[in-house]
Amino acid sequence: MSLPRKFPASCGLAILAIAALVGAALAGGHIEPALKAGIIKLVQLGWEKPSDAFEQSQKLYKDLEAQFPGNATLDYAYALVQLKRFRYAEAARAIEKAVAVDKQNLTLLKLRCWLAGVSRQYDVVLKDLERIADLLAVAAGDQSKPKQDAESQQTARLETVQFLGRVYGFLEGPGSSGVDALQRAKTRQYISDRLDAPQRAAFDEASRTVREQLSALEKEIAEKTAENQKQAAKLRQETLEQLSRQAELLRGEIATAESRNQRLKEQLDAETEKLERQRREISFKMQRIDDEARPLRSEIRALDLRIGTLLEQADREKDPNTRNRLLHEAAMWRATRDARLAVLDRLSRQLAAYEAEMVSLKQRIAAAIARYQRSITPIEPLLKNLERTEREAHRLRREPVTGRNAEVANLENRAAAFTTYVPLPISLEDERQVLMEKLR
């Protein structure tokens, strides 16, 4: 936040106020050399940029306050330091202490009124407006001033009236929701009763200035909002069109992927069907071989049994002729068995070849399926992207178009802020210089 602009004429009144504060203290012997030196150092430290210097000024104020309690000049100097740092709560507490000592000081009352407005303590603001009006009425009846001083005082009083008008204009406009309307009207009447005709005109003009300032800000807010809303609507339409194109593109990619995947599936089905047909043919041949080999095995087992029986009989036979006959018969059956074994061996080799071919066919089927899985286009990610795109488009269609952005929010905050309409009623630099000169 930047410091509000200066009011030159009111600065003259503020200078007199400081002179009154310091002069009264000196006249009464309340500002001792140690306190004067301390206040000067306090202001010097508080005006420096480094944060450690400001912290030293804070500590120094506490020490001085403990040694010299109830000194309005000390509290006022500390308030200036706090205002310099935008620490309004601390400044308000210090001003409150100074007002408790000097209740008729117009500058202190204006500062307390301004700080109360900043912190939205509008009940305090209304009371201080009435007190300031009382002081203005008293000052207007004071004819003891020389003509030159009287003219300066008149100008300063006029600017104080403008301060009252601005504060009241804020309470009647931007801050109206925080103030009781009846109490506000009573305060206006109270102030009006204590002002002369030129002052009432200045009061009304200052109030009108606040209303015009608020109206200008509201107009700017409305224009910015409308402009932003138009841009937002245009941007939303462009975004919706972009999302629509993106969704259409995704649907096309999905359709293309599905068509390609279907074609690959058909190719896989044709290839695997051919291999499965070959596998079934081989399986049928293997079954035929097994059917043919099964009786051969039974016959060979029977021949082995017969040969064994004949050989046992030949061993037991004593008659050579009979034994030779039995051995000859066993040899004949052995020849028959060997012929059957040769056939069975041929069938076994055929079966082994078919089994190897079956393994090869299974591998070719597995390879075809793996090749298909590698070749297809994954559709799931495309479907998710499409769903996300359609969901975003649906959200945008349902979302109301608003023209309120950070810039508009900042304007709204300005329009509602007390400091937008009522600048600080003193110049901090001028106040500091006068205070330092009076203390030296």
Foldseek 3Di string as FASTA:
>chain_A
DDADDADVLLQVLVLVLLCVLLVVCVVVPLQDLVNLVLLLQLLVLLPDDDPVSPVVSVVSLVVSCVVRPLRLLSLQSVLLSCVSVVVLVSSLVSLVSNCVNVVLRLLSLLQNLLSCQQVVVVVSNLVSLLSNLVSLLVLVPDPPDPPVVNVSVVVSSLVVLLLSLLLLLLCVPLVVVSDDPVSSVVSVVSSVVSDDDVSVVSSPVSSVVLVVVLVVLVVVLVVLFVVLLVVLVVVLVVLLVVLVVVLVVLVVVLVVLVVVLVVLVVVLVVVLVVLVVVLVVLVVVLVVLVVVLPVLVVLLVVLVVQLVVLQVVLVVDPDPVSSVVSNVVSVVSVVVSVVSVVVNVVSVVSNVVSVVVNVVSVVVSVVSVVVSVVPRDDSVVSVVVSVVSVVVSVVSVPDDRTSDDPVSVVSVCLSNGSCNRNGSNYDSVSSSVSNSVSSD
